[in-house]
Amino acid sequence: MALPEPIEHLISLLKKFPGVGEKSARRMAFYVLQQGNEYGEELSRAVGELNTRLTTCEKCGNLTEFQPCPICSDPLRDRSLLCVTESLEDLVSIEQSGLYNGLYFVLGMSLSPLEDREKLPAHTLEKLLRRFQEYPISEVIIATNPRIEGDMTFYALLDALRDVPVKKSRLAYGLPVGGSIEFADRVTLHAALESRQEVKG
C-alpha cells in the first residue's frame, strides 16, 4: 500500500537516523501524526533551532549558544587537564558521567582509510595546539574509541603532539574493544578514566 507523500517523505528522513530502520521510522512518523498539529509544529521548531541557535565552541568544538561554551568559560574547571575526543557524543558521555572536570577538545572525526580519512586536517591540529598555549595543560587524555579507527586517530594525535612537553595518556581498562565511549555506562567510564595509561615517547 502506497502511503501519502508527506508520510513517505518523513519516513525517508527518519530512516537516516543511526539505528533506525523502515519499521521504526514508520512507527515514529505515525506517532508524530497522531499527536496533532501542536506537537508537529513544536518538533519542527525544535529541529529548526538546532542550526539557528546552536554553534560549535571556537575553542573546544562543544555545542553552545554562546562563545566560549559553558565548559571553557567555567573558572572551576581543571585547566591542567585536556581530554581529546573523536565526537561530540563522546564529550557528552564523559561529561555526564561526572567523573572528569578538565577541558575538552573535539576532533569531530576519526581516521578511516576506507572512507579516505587518512590524515587529521591541518586546521584541526593547529586549533588543538593552541589549547596548549592558552592553558597550563600538564596532561592530555586521548579518549579515542577502542577500535581500528580510534587506534589510528590515537597514533596520529601522538605524532602531532610529540613535541608538546605534557603527559600523554589514553583511556584504558573497562572499555571493550570495538565499543564506543558514548554507549559506556558510568562505572565503565570511571574504570577507563582512573586506569588511563601514560603513553611513552
N, C-alpha and C. Protein backbone atom coordinates (compact mmCIF):
# COMPACT_ATOMS: atom_id res chain seq x y z
N MET A 1 0.84 -1.19 0.00
CA MET A 1 0.00 0.00 0.00
C MET A 1 0.88 1.25 0.00
N ALA A 2 0.57 2.16 -0.93
CA ALA A 2 1.34 3.40 -1.01
C ALA A 2 0.83 4.39 0.03
N LEU A 3 1.74 4.95 0.79
CA LEU A 3 1.36 5.95 1.78
C LEU A 3 1.38 7.34 1.15
N PRO A 4 0.62 8.29 1.72
CA PRO A 4 0.66 9.66 1.20
C PRO A 4 2.10 10.20 1.21
N GLU A 5 2.40 11.05 0.23
CA GLU A 5 3.77 11.55 0.04
C GLU A 5 4.37 12.22 1.30
N PRO A 6 3.60 13.04 2.04
CA PRO A 6 4.20 13.66 3.24
C PRO A 6 4.70 12.64 4.27
N ILE A 7 3.93 11.54 4.43
CA ILE A 7 4.35 10.48 5.37
C ILE A 7 5.58 9.77 4.83
N GLU A 8 5.57 9.43 3.55
CA GLU A 8 6.72 8.76 2.93
C GLU A 8 7.98 9.62 3.07
N HIS A 9 7.83 10.92 2.88
CA HIS A 9 8.97 11.82 2.98
C HIS A 9 9.53 11.85 4.40
N LEU A 10 8.63 11.93 5.39
CA LEU A 10 9.08 11.93 6.79
C LEU A 10 9.76 10.61 7.14
N ILE A 11 9.20 9.50 6.69
CA ILE A 11 9.80 8.18 6.94
C ILE A 11 11.21 8.11 6.34
N SER A 12 11.36 8.63 5.11
CA SER A 12 12.68 8.58 4.46
C SER A 12 13.70 9.42 5.24
N LEU A 13 13.26 10.52 5.84
CA LEU A 13 14.17 11.35 6.65
C LEU A 13 14.53 10.65 7.96
N LEU A 14 13.54 10.06 8.61
CA LEU A 14 13.77 9.38 9.88
C LEU A 14 14.68 8.17 9.72
N LYS A 15 14.61 7.50 8.57
CA LYS A 15 15.46 6.32 8.31
C LYS A 15 16.94 6.68 8.26
N LYS A 16 17.25 7.96 8.09
CA LYS A 16 18.65 8.38 8.05
C LYS A 16 19.28 8.45 9.44
N PHE A 17 18.44 8.40 10.49
CA PHE A 17 18.97 8.39 11.85
C PHE A 17 19.72 7.09 12.09
N PRO A 18 20.83 7.14 12.85
CA PRO A 18 21.58 5.91 13.16
C PRO A 18 20.70 4.89 13.88
N GLY A 19 20.72 3.66 13.39
CA GLY A 19 19.99 2.58 14.05
C GLY A 19 18.49 2.56 13.79
N VAL A 20 17.99 3.44 12.92
CA VAL A 20 16.55 3.49 12.64
C VAL A 20 16.28 2.84 11.28
N GLY A 21 15.48 1.78 11.31
CA GLY A 21 15.12 1.09 10.07
C GLY A 21 13.75 1.52 9.58
N GLU A 22 13.27 0.84 8.56
CA GLU A 22 11.98 1.17 7.93
C GLU A 22 10.83 1.13 8.93
N LYS A 23 10.74 0.05 9.72
CA LYS A 23 9.61 -0.10 10.64
C LYS A 23 9.64 0.94 11.75
N SER A 24 10.81 1.17 12.32
CA SER A 24 10.93 2.17 13.39
C SER A 24 10.60 3.56 12.87
N ALA A 25 11.08 3.87 11.67
CA ALA A 25 10.82 5.18 11.07
C ALA A 25 9.31 5.36 10.82
N ARG A 26 8.66 4.31 10.34
CA ARG A 26 7.23 4.38 10.08
C ARG A 26 6.45 4.58 11.38
N ARG A 27 6.87 3.85 12.43
CA ARG A 27 6.21 3.98 13.73
C ARG A 27 6.35 5.41 14.27
N MET A 28 7.55 5.99 14.13
CA MET A 28 7.78 7.35 14.60
C MET A 28 6.96 8.36 13.80
N ALA A 29 6.89 8.16 12.49
CA ALA A 29 6.14 9.07 11.63
C ALA A 29 4.66 9.08 12.01
N PHE A 30 4.09 7.89 12.25
CA PHE A 30 2.68 7.81 12.63
C PHE A 30 2.46 8.38 14.04
N TYR A 31 3.46 8.23 14.89
CA TYR A 31 3.36 8.82 16.24
C TYR A 31 3.25 10.34 16.15
N VAL A 32 4.12 10.95 15.32
CA VAL A 32 4.07 12.40 15.12
C VAL A 32 2.71 12.81 14.59
N LEU A 33 2.19 12.06 13.63
CA LEU A 33 0.90 12.36 13.03
C LEU A 33 -0.23 12.30 14.06
N GLN A 34 -0.17 11.31 14.95
CA GLN A 34 -1.23 11.11 15.94
C GLN A 34 -1.22 12.16 17.05
N GLN A 35 -0.09 12.85 17.24
CA GLN A 35 0.00 13.84 18.32
C GLN A 35 -0.68 15.16 17.97
N GLY A 36 -1.00 15.35 16.70
CA GLY A 36 -1.70 16.57 16.30
C GLY A 36 -0.76 17.69 15.88
N ASN A 37 -1.39 18.81 15.45
CA ASN A 37 -0.63 19.93 14.90
C ASN A 37 0.36 20.55 15.87
N GLU A 38 -0.07 20.71 17.12
CA GLU A 38 0.77 21.42 18.10
C GLU A 38 2.11 20.71 18.30
N TYR A 39 2.05 19.38 18.44
CA TYR A 39 3.28 18.61 18.63
C TYR A 39 4.17 18.69 17.39
N GLY A 40 3.55 18.53 16.21
CA GLY A 40 4.31 18.59 14.96
C GLY A 40 5.00 19.93 14.78
N GLU A 41 4.29 21.01 15.10
CA GLU A 41 4.87 22.35 14.97
C GLU A 41 6.01 22.56 15.97
N GLU A 42 5.82 22.06 17.20
CA GLU A 42 6.87 22.20 18.21
C GLU A 42 8.12 21.41 17.82
N LEU A 43 7.91 20.19 17.29
CA LEU A 43 9.02 19.37 16.84
C LEU A 43 9.76 20.05 15.69
N SER A 44 9.00 20.58 14.74
CA SER A 44 9.60 21.28 13.61
C SER A 44 10.40 22.49 14.06
N ARG A 45 9.86 23.23 15.03
CA ARG A 45 10.54 24.41 15.56
C ARG A 45 11.84 24.01 16.28
N ALA A 46 11.77 22.93 17.06
CA ALA A 46 12.95 22.47 17.80
C ALA A 46 14.07 22.04 16.85
N VAL A 47 13.72 21.33 15.79
CA VAL A 47 14.71 20.90 14.79
C VAL A 47 15.30 22.12 14.09
N GLY A 48 14.44 23.07 13.74
CA GLY A 48 14.91 24.28 13.07
C GLY A 48 15.88 25.09 13.91
N GLU A 49 15.65 25.10 15.23
CA GLU A 49 16.51 25.88 16.13
C GLU A 49 17.89 25.27 16.30
N LEU A 50 18.04 23.99 15.96
CA LEU A 50 19.35 23.36 16.10
C LEU A 50 20.41 24.12 15.32
N ASN A 51 20.07 24.54 14.12
CA ASN A 51 21.05 25.24 13.28
C ASN A 51 21.03 26.75 13.45
N THR A 52 19.91 27.30 13.93
CA THR A 52 19.85 28.76 14.07
C THR A 52 20.37 29.24 15.41
N ARG A 53 20.20 28.43 16.47
CA ARG A 53 20.62 28.87 17.81
C ARG A 53 21.94 28.26 18.27
N LEU A 54 22.27 27.09 17.72
CA LEU A 54 23.47 26.40 18.19
C LEU A 54 24.64 26.57 17.23
N THR A 55 25.82 26.63 17.80
CA THR A 55 27.05 26.64 17.01
C THR A 55 28.08 25.83 17.77
N THR A 56 29.27 25.67 17.21
CA THR A 56 30.31 24.94 17.94
C THR A 56 31.23 25.94 18.63
N CYS A 57 31.69 25.57 19.80
CA CYS A 57 32.60 26.42 20.57
C CYS A 57 33.88 26.64 19.78
N GLU A 58 34.31 27.88 19.66
CA GLU A 58 35.50 28.20 18.88
C GLU A 58 36.78 27.65 19.51
N LYS A 59 36.70 27.30 20.80
CA LYS A 59 37.88 26.79 21.48
C LYS A 59 37.95 25.26 21.50
N CYS A 60 36.81 24.61 21.82
CA CYS A 60 36.87 23.15 22.03
C CYS A 60 36.02 22.33 21.06
N GLY A 61 35.05 22.96 20.38
CA GLY A 61 34.20 22.20 19.47
C GLY A 61 32.91 21.69 20.09
N ASN A 62 32.66 22.03 21.36
CA ASN A 62 31.42 21.65 22.02
C ASN A 62 30.25 22.44 21.43
N LEU A 63 29.03 21.91 21.54
CA LEU A 63 27.86 22.65 21.10
C LEU A 63 27.54 23.74 22.12
N THR A 64 27.18 24.92 21.62
CA THR A 64 26.91 26.03 22.53
C THR A 64 26.03 27.09 21.87
N GLU A 65 25.39 27.88 22.71
CA GLU A 65 24.65 29.05 22.23
C GLU A 65 25.52 30.30 22.35
N PHE A 66 26.54 30.23 23.19
CA PHE A 66 27.39 31.40 23.45
C PHE A 66 28.86 31.02 23.29
N GLN A 67 29.70 32.01 23.00
CA GLN A 67 31.14 31.79 22.86
C GLN A 67 31.89 32.42 24.05
N PRO A 68 32.82 31.70 24.64
CA PRO A 68 33.04 30.26 24.50
C PRO A 68 31.95 29.48 25.24
N CYS A 69 31.98 28.16 25.12
CA CYS A 69 30.95 27.33 25.72
C CYS A 69 31.03 27.36 27.26
N PRO A 70 29.99 26.89 27.95
CA PRO A 70 29.99 26.91 29.42
C PRO A 70 31.17 26.15 30.05
N ILE A 71 31.65 25.10 29.39
CA ILE A 71 32.78 24.34 29.94
C ILE A 71 34.06 25.17 29.87
N CYS A 72 34.34 25.74 28.70
CA CYS A 72 35.56 26.53 28.53
C CYS A 72 35.55 27.79 29.40
N SER A 73 34.37 28.35 29.65
CA SER A 73 34.30 29.60 30.41
C SER A 73 34.14 29.38 31.92
N ASP A 74 34.02 28.13 32.33
CA ASP A 74 33.84 27.82 33.76
C ASP A 74 35.18 27.95 34.50
N PRO A 75 35.31 28.92 35.43
CA PRO A 75 36.58 29.11 36.13
C PRO A 75 36.94 27.97 37.08
N LEU A 76 35.97 27.10 37.38
CA LEU A 76 36.22 26.00 38.32
C LEU A 76 36.73 24.74 37.62
N ARG A 77 36.81 24.74 36.29
CA ARG A 77 37.33 23.57 35.59
C ARG A 77 38.84 23.48 35.80
N ASP A 78 39.34 22.24 35.81
CA ASP A 78 40.78 21.99 35.96
C ASP A 78 41.46 22.24 34.62
N ARG A 79 42.16 23.36 34.52
CA ARG A 79 42.78 23.75 33.26
C ARG A 79 44.12 23.07 33.00
N SER A 80 44.49 22.14 33.88
CA SER A 80 45.72 21.38 33.65
C SER A 80 45.44 20.08 32.89
N LEU A 81 44.15 19.75 32.71
CA LEU A 81 43.76 18.52 32.02
C LEU A 81 43.03 18.85 30.73
N LEU A 82 43.39 18.15 29.65
CA LEU A 82 42.70 18.30 28.37
C LEU A 82 42.33 16.92 27.86
N CYS A 83 41.04 16.70 27.60
CA CYS A 83 40.56 15.43 27.08
C CYS A 83 40.19 15.61 25.61
N VAL A 84 40.84 14.85 24.74
CA VAL A 84 40.57 14.93 23.30
C VAL A 84 39.64 13.79 22.91
N THR A 85 38.47 14.14 22.34
CA THR A 85 37.50 13.12 21.93
C THR A 85 37.31 13.13 20.42
N GLU A 86 36.84 12.01 19.90
CA GLU A 86 36.55 11.92 18.47
C GLU A 86 35.28 12.70 18.11
N SER A 87 34.29 12.62 18.98
CA SER A 87 32.98 13.20 18.64
C SER A 87 32.37 13.95 19.80
N LEU A 88 31.38 14.74 19.47
CA LEU A 88 30.61 15.48 20.46
C LEU A 88 29.88 14.52 21.40
N GLU A 89 29.39 13.40 20.84
CA GLU A 89 28.70 12.41 21.67
C GLU A 89 29.61 11.85 22.75
N ASP A 90 30.90 11.67 22.41
CA ASP A 90 31.85 11.17 23.41
C ASP A 90 32.06 12.20 24.52
N LEU A 91 32.16 13.47 24.13
CA LEU A 91 32.30 14.55 25.13
C LEU A 91 31.10 14.52 26.08
N VAL A 92 29.89 14.43 25.53
CA VAL A 92 28.68 14.44 26.35
C VAL A 92 28.66 13.25 27.30
N SER A 93 29.07 12.06 26.82
CA SER A 93 29.08 10.87 27.66
C SER A 93 30.05 11.02 28.83
N ILE A 94 31.25 11.52 28.54
CA ILE A 94 32.24 11.71 29.60
C ILE A 94 31.77 12.78 30.58
N GLU A 95 31.23 13.87 30.06
CA GLU A 95 30.77 14.97 30.90
C GLU A 95 29.61 14.54 31.79
N GLN A 96 28.67 13.78 31.24
CA GLN A 96 27.51 13.36 32.03
C GLN A 96 27.86 12.31 33.08
N SER A 97 29.01 11.66 32.92
CA SER A 97 29.43 10.69 33.94
C SER A 97 29.79 11.40 35.24
N GLY A 98 30.13 12.70 35.15
CA GLY A 98 30.50 13.47 36.35
C GLY A 98 31.86 13.10 36.91
N LEU A 99 32.68 12.40 36.13
CA LEU A 99 33.96 11.89 36.62
C LEU A 99 35.14 12.73 36.18
N TYR A 100 34.91 13.69 35.32
CA TYR A 100 36.01 14.46 34.74
C TYR A 100 35.69 15.94 34.86
N ASN A 101 36.69 16.74 35.25
CA ASN A 101 36.46 18.16 35.48
C ASN A 101 37.46 19.05 34.73
N GLY A 102 38.07 18.50 33.68
CA GLY A 102 39.03 19.29 32.92
C GLY A 102 38.39 19.91 31.69
N LEU A 103 39.24 20.28 30.74
CA LEU A 103 38.80 20.88 29.49
C LEU A 103 38.72 19.80 28.41
N TYR A 104 38.13 20.15 27.27
CA TYR A 104 37.96 19.21 26.17
C TYR A 104 38.48 19.79 24.86
N PHE A 105 38.67 18.88 23.91
CA PHE A 105 38.85 19.27 22.51
C PHE A 105 38.21 18.19 21.66
N VAL A 106 37.23 18.57 20.82
CA VAL A 106 36.52 17.62 19.98
C VAL A 106 37.12 17.64 18.57
N LEU A 107 37.62 16.49 18.14
CA LEU A 107 38.17 16.38 16.78
C LEU A 107 37.08 16.47 15.72
N GLY A 108 35.91 15.90 16.04
CA GLY A 108 34.83 15.89 15.07
C GLY A 108 34.99 14.83 13.99
N MET A 109 35.91 13.90 14.21
CA MET A 109 36.17 12.86 13.21
C MET A 109 37.11 11.81 13.80
N SER A 110 37.25 10.71 13.08
CA SER A 110 38.30 9.73 13.37
C SER A 110 38.89 9.34 12.02
N LEU A 111 40.10 8.84 12.05
CA LEU A 111 40.74 8.43 10.79
C LEU A 111 40.16 7.10 10.32
N SER A 112 39.97 6.99 9.02
CA SER A 112 39.42 5.76 8.43
C SER A 112 39.85 5.67 6.98
N PRO A 113 40.83 4.82 6.67
CA PRO A 113 41.29 4.66 5.28
C PRO A 113 40.16 4.25 4.33
N LEU A 114 39.19 3.48 4.83
CA LEU A 114 38.09 3.03 3.98
C LEU A 114 37.21 4.19 3.53
N GLU A 115 37.24 5.29 4.30
CA GLU A 115 36.43 6.46 3.95
C GLU A 115 37.32 7.63 3.53
N ASP A 116 38.55 7.31 3.12
CA ASP A 116 39.51 8.32 2.65
C ASP A 116 39.80 9.41 3.67
N ARG A 117 39.84 9.01 4.96
CA ARG A 117 40.26 9.94 6.01
C ARG A 117 41.54 9.37 6.63
N GLU A 118 42.67 9.73 6.05
CA GLU A 118 43.94 9.15 6.48
C GLU A 118 44.82 10.14 7.24
N LYS A 119 44.41 11.42 7.28
CA LYS A 119 45.19 12.43 8.00
C LYS A 119 44.24 13.36 8.73
N LEU A 120 44.69 13.82 9.90
CA LEU A 120 43.90 14.82 10.61
C LEU A 120 44.10 16.16 9.91
N PRO A 121 43.03 16.93 9.69
CA PRO A 121 43.16 18.21 9.00
C PRO A 121 44.12 19.17 9.71
N ALA A 122 44.91 19.90 8.93
CA ALA A 122 45.90 20.82 9.50
C ALA A 122 45.25 21.86 10.39
N HIS A 123 44.09 22.39 9.99
CA HIS A 123 43.44 23.43 10.80
C HIS A 123 42.97 22.88 12.15
N THR A 124 42.59 21.58 12.19
CA THR A 124 42.17 20.96 13.45
C THR A 124 43.37 20.83 14.39
N LEU A 125 44.50 20.40 13.84
CA LEU A 125 45.72 20.26 14.66
C LEU A 125 46.21 21.61 15.16
N GLU A 126 46.13 22.63 14.32
CA GLU A 126 46.55 23.99 14.73
C GLU A 126 45.69 24.47 15.90
N LYS A 127 44.39 24.21 15.79
CA LYS A 127 43.46 24.61 16.85
C LYS A 127 43.76 23.86 18.15
N LEU A 128 44.07 22.57 18.02
CA LEU A 128 44.41 21.75 19.19
C LEU A 128 45.69 22.27 19.85
N LEU A 129 46.70 22.55 19.07
CA LEU A 129 47.98 23.03 19.62
C LEU A 129 47.82 24.38 20.31
N ARG A 130 46.86 25.17 19.87
CA ARG A 130 46.61 26.47 20.52
C ARG A 130 46.12 26.29 21.95
N ARG A 131 45.45 25.17 22.22
CA ARG A 131 44.96 24.91 23.58
C ARG A 131 46.13 24.85 24.57
N PHE A 132 47.25 24.33 24.11
CA PHE A 132 48.41 24.20 24.99
C PHE A 132 49.09 25.54 25.24
N GLN A 133 48.84 26.50 24.37
CA GLN A 133 49.39 27.84 24.55
C GLN A 133 48.48 28.68 25.45
N GLU A 134 47.18 28.39 25.40
CA GLU A 134 46.21 29.18 26.16
C GLU A 134 46.12 28.78 27.61
N TYR A 135 46.32 27.50 27.91
CA TYR A 135 46.11 26.99 29.27
C TYR A 135 47.34 26.24 29.77
N PRO A 136 47.50 26.17 31.10
CA PRO A 136 48.66 25.46 31.68
C PRO A 136 48.44 23.95 31.72
N ILE A 137 48.25 23.34 30.56
CA ILE A 137 47.92 21.91 30.48
C ILE A 137 49.15 21.06 30.81
N SER A 138 48.97 20.11 31.72
CA SER A 138 50.07 19.22 32.09
C SER A 138 49.81 17.78 31.65
N GLU A 139 48.54 17.47 31.31
CA GLU A 139 48.22 16.12 30.82
C GLU A 139 47.15 16.19 29.76
N VAL A 140 47.35 15.46 28.67
CA VAL A 140 46.32 15.32 27.65
C VAL A 140 45.84 13.87 27.64
N ILE A 141 44.54 13.69 27.81
CA ILE A 141 43.93 12.37 27.80
C ILE A 141 43.33 12.15 26.42
N ILE A 142 43.87 11.19 25.68
CA ILE A 142 43.38 10.92 24.34
C ILE A 142 42.27 9.88 24.45
N ALA A 143 41.03 10.35 24.34
CA ALA A 143 39.86 9.50 24.56
C ALA A 143 39.27 9.04 23.23
N THR A 144 40.06 8.27 22.48
CA THR A 144 39.55 7.70 21.23
C THR A 144 38.95 6.33 21.52
N ASN A 145 38.04 5.91 20.66
CA ASN A 145 37.34 4.66 20.89
C ASN A 145 38.24 3.44 20.63
N PRO A 146 38.02 2.34 21.36
CA PRO A 146 38.87 1.15 21.24
C PRO A 146 38.54 0.29 20.03
N ARG A 147 38.78 0.85 18.86
CA ARG A 147 38.61 0.10 17.61
C ARG A 147 39.66 0.61 16.63
N ILE A 148 39.72 0.07 15.43
CA ILE A 148 40.79 0.39 14.48
C ILE A 148 40.86 1.88 14.19
N GLU A 149 39.69 2.50 13.92
CA GLU A 149 39.68 3.94 13.61
C GLU A 149 40.19 4.75 14.80
N GLY A 150 39.79 4.34 16.01
CA GLY A 150 40.24 5.03 17.21
C GLY A 150 41.74 4.87 17.41
N ASP A 151 42.27 3.68 17.13
CA ASP A 151 43.71 3.45 17.26
C ASP A 151 44.50 4.31 16.28
N MET A 152 44.02 4.38 15.04
CA MET A 152 44.71 5.20 14.04
C MET A 152 44.70 6.67 14.44
N THR A 153 43.57 7.12 14.95
CA THR A 153 43.44 8.51 15.38
C THR A 153 44.36 8.78 16.57
N PHE A 154 44.43 7.84 17.49
CA PHE A 154 45.30 7.94 18.66
C PHE A 154 46.76 8.13 18.25
N TYR A 155 47.23 7.28 17.34
CA TYR A 155 48.64 7.37 16.93
C TYR A 155 48.92 8.64 16.12
N ALA A 156 47.93 9.10 15.35
CA ALA A 156 48.09 10.35 14.62
C ALA A 156 48.20 11.53 15.59
N LEU A 157 47.42 11.48 16.66
CA LEU A 157 47.48 12.53 17.68
C LEU A 157 48.81 12.50 18.43
N LEU A 158 49.26 11.29 18.74
CA LEU A 158 50.56 11.16 19.42
C LEU A 158 51.67 11.79 18.58
N ASP A 159 51.62 11.53 17.28
CA ASP A 159 52.62 12.08 16.38
C ASP A 159 52.52 13.61 16.34
N ALA A 160 51.30 14.13 16.28
CA ALA A 160 51.10 15.57 16.21
C ALA A 160 51.55 16.27 17.50
N LEU A 161 51.46 15.55 18.63
CA LEU A 161 51.79 16.14 19.93
C LEU A 161 53.17 15.73 20.45
N ARG A 162 53.98 15.13 19.58
CA ARG A 162 55.26 14.58 20.04
C ARG A 162 56.18 15.64 20.65
N ASP A 163 56.09 16.89 20.18
CA ASP A 163 56.96 17.94 20.70
C ASP A 163 56.31 18.77 21.81
N VAL A 164 55.10 18.40 22.21
CA VAL A 164 54.42 19.12 23.29
C VAL A 164 54.81 18.45 24.61
N PRO A 165 55.48 19.18 25.50
CA PRO A 165 56.01 18.58 26.73
C PRO A 165 54.97 18.38 27.84
N VAL A 166 54.00 17.52 27.58
CA VAL A 166 52.99 17.21 28.59
C VAL A 166 52.85 15.69 28.69
N LYS A 167 52.29 15.25 29.81
CA LYS A 167 51.99 13.82 29.97
C LYS A 167 50.87 13.46 29.00
N LYS A 168 51.02 12.34 28.32
CA LYS A 168 50.00 11.87 27.37
C LYS A 168 49.47 10.52 27.85
N SER A 169 48.16 10.42 27.96
CA SER A 169 47.56 9.17 28.43
C SER A 169 46.36 8.82 27.55
N ARG A 170 45.92 7.57 27.70
CA ARG A 170 44.78 7.10 26.92
C ARG A 170 43.84 6.32 27.82
N LEU A 171 42.53 6.44 27.56
CA LEU A 171 41.57 5.66 28.32
C LEU A 171 41.94 4.19 28.22
N ALA A 172 41.79 3.51 29.36
CA ALA A 172 42.27 2.13 29.39
C ALA A 172 41.17 1.14 29.72
N TYR A 173 41.50 0.26 30.64
CA TYR A 173 40.69 -0.81 31.11
C TYR A 173 39.24 -0.40 31.30
N GLY A 174 38.35 -1.28 30.92
CA GLY A 174 36.93 -1.01 31.12
C GLY A 174 36.19 -0.83 29.81
N LEU A 175 36.85 -0.25 28.82
CA LEU A 175 36.18 -0.06 27.52
C LEU A 175 36.41 -1.29 26.65
N PRO A 176 35.34 -1.95 26.20
CA PRO A 176 35.52 -3.14 25.38
C PRO A 176 36.07 -2.81 24.00
N VAL A 177 36.93 -3.67 23.48
CA VAL A 177 37.47 -3.47 22.15
C VAL A 177 36.33 -3.48 21.15
N GLY A 178 36.32 -2.49 20.26
CA GLY A 178 35.25 -2.37 19.29
C GLY A 178 34.04 -1.62 19.79
N GLY A 179 34.10 -1.18 21.08
CA GLY A 179 32.97 -0.46 21.66
C GLY A 179 33.06 1.04 21.39
N SER A 180 32.15 1.78 21.98
CA SER A 180 32.10 3.23 21.82
C SER A 180 31.94 3.90 23.17
N ILE A 181 32.63 5.02 23.37
CA ILE A 181 32.54 5.76 24.61
C ILE A 181 31.11 6.20 24.88
N GLU A 182 30.40 6.63 23.82
CA GLU A 182 29.05 7.17 24.01
C GLU A 182 28.07 6.14 24.59
N PHE A 183 28.37 4.83 24.45
CA PHE A 183 27.47 3.80 24.96
C PHE A 183 27.96 3.20 26.29
N ALA A 184 29.09 3.69 26.79
CA ALA A 184 29.64 3.15 28.03
C ALA A 184 28.87 3.70 29.24
N ASP A 185 28.67 2.85 30.25
CA ASP A 185 27.99 3.33 31.45
C ASP A 185 28.98 4.04 32.38
N ARG A 186 28.46 4.62 33.44
CA ARG A 186 29.28 5.44 34.35
C ARG A 186 30.40 4.64 34.99
N VAL A 187 30.10 3.40 35.40
CA VAL A 187 31.11 2.57 36.05
C VAL A 187 32.25 2.24 35.09
N THR A 188 31.90 1.91 33.84
CA THR A 188 32.91 1.60 32.83
C THR A 188 33.78 2.82 32.53
N LEU A 189 33.14 3.99 32.39
CA LEU A 189 33.91 5.21 32.13
C LEU A 189 34.82 5.54 33.30
N HIS A 190 34.32 5.31 34.51
CA HIS A 190 35.14 5.57 35.71
C HIS A 190 36.39 4.69 35.69
N ALA A 191 36.21 3.41 35.37
CA ALA A 191 37.35 2.49 35.29
C ALA A 191 38.33 2.93 34.21
N ALA A 192 37.80 3.35 33.06
CA ALA A 192 38.66 3.77 31.94
C ALA A 192 39.44 5.03 32.27
N LEU A 193 38.78 5.98 32.93
CA LEU A 193 39.47 7.23 33.30
C LEU A 193 40.50 7.00 34.39
N GLU A 194 40.09 6.26 35.42
CA GLU A 194 41.00 6.02 36.55
C GLU A 194 42.20 5.16 36.16
N SER A 195 42.03 4.26 35.20
CA SER A 195 43.11 3.36 34.80
C SER A 195 43.80 3.82 33.53
N ARG A 196 43.60 5.07 33.14
CA ARG A 196 44.24 5.55 31.91
C ARG A 196 45.75 5.37 32.03
N GLN A 197 46.37 5.10 30.91
CA GLN A 197 47.79 4.77 30.89
C GLN A 197 48.58 5.87 30.23
N GLU A 198 49.68 6.23 30.87
CA GLU A 198 50.56 7.22 30.28
C GLU A 198 51.24 6.62 29.06
N VAL A 199 51.37 7.41 28.01
CA VAL A 199 51.97 6.94 26.78
C VAL A 199 53.40 7.47 26.72
N LYS A 200 54.34 6.59 26.54
CA LYS A 200 55.75 6.97 26.47
C LYS A 200 56.19 7.17 25.02
N GLY A 201 56.87 8.29 24.80
CA GLY A 201 57.53 8.56 23.53
C GLY A 201 56.65 8.45 22.32
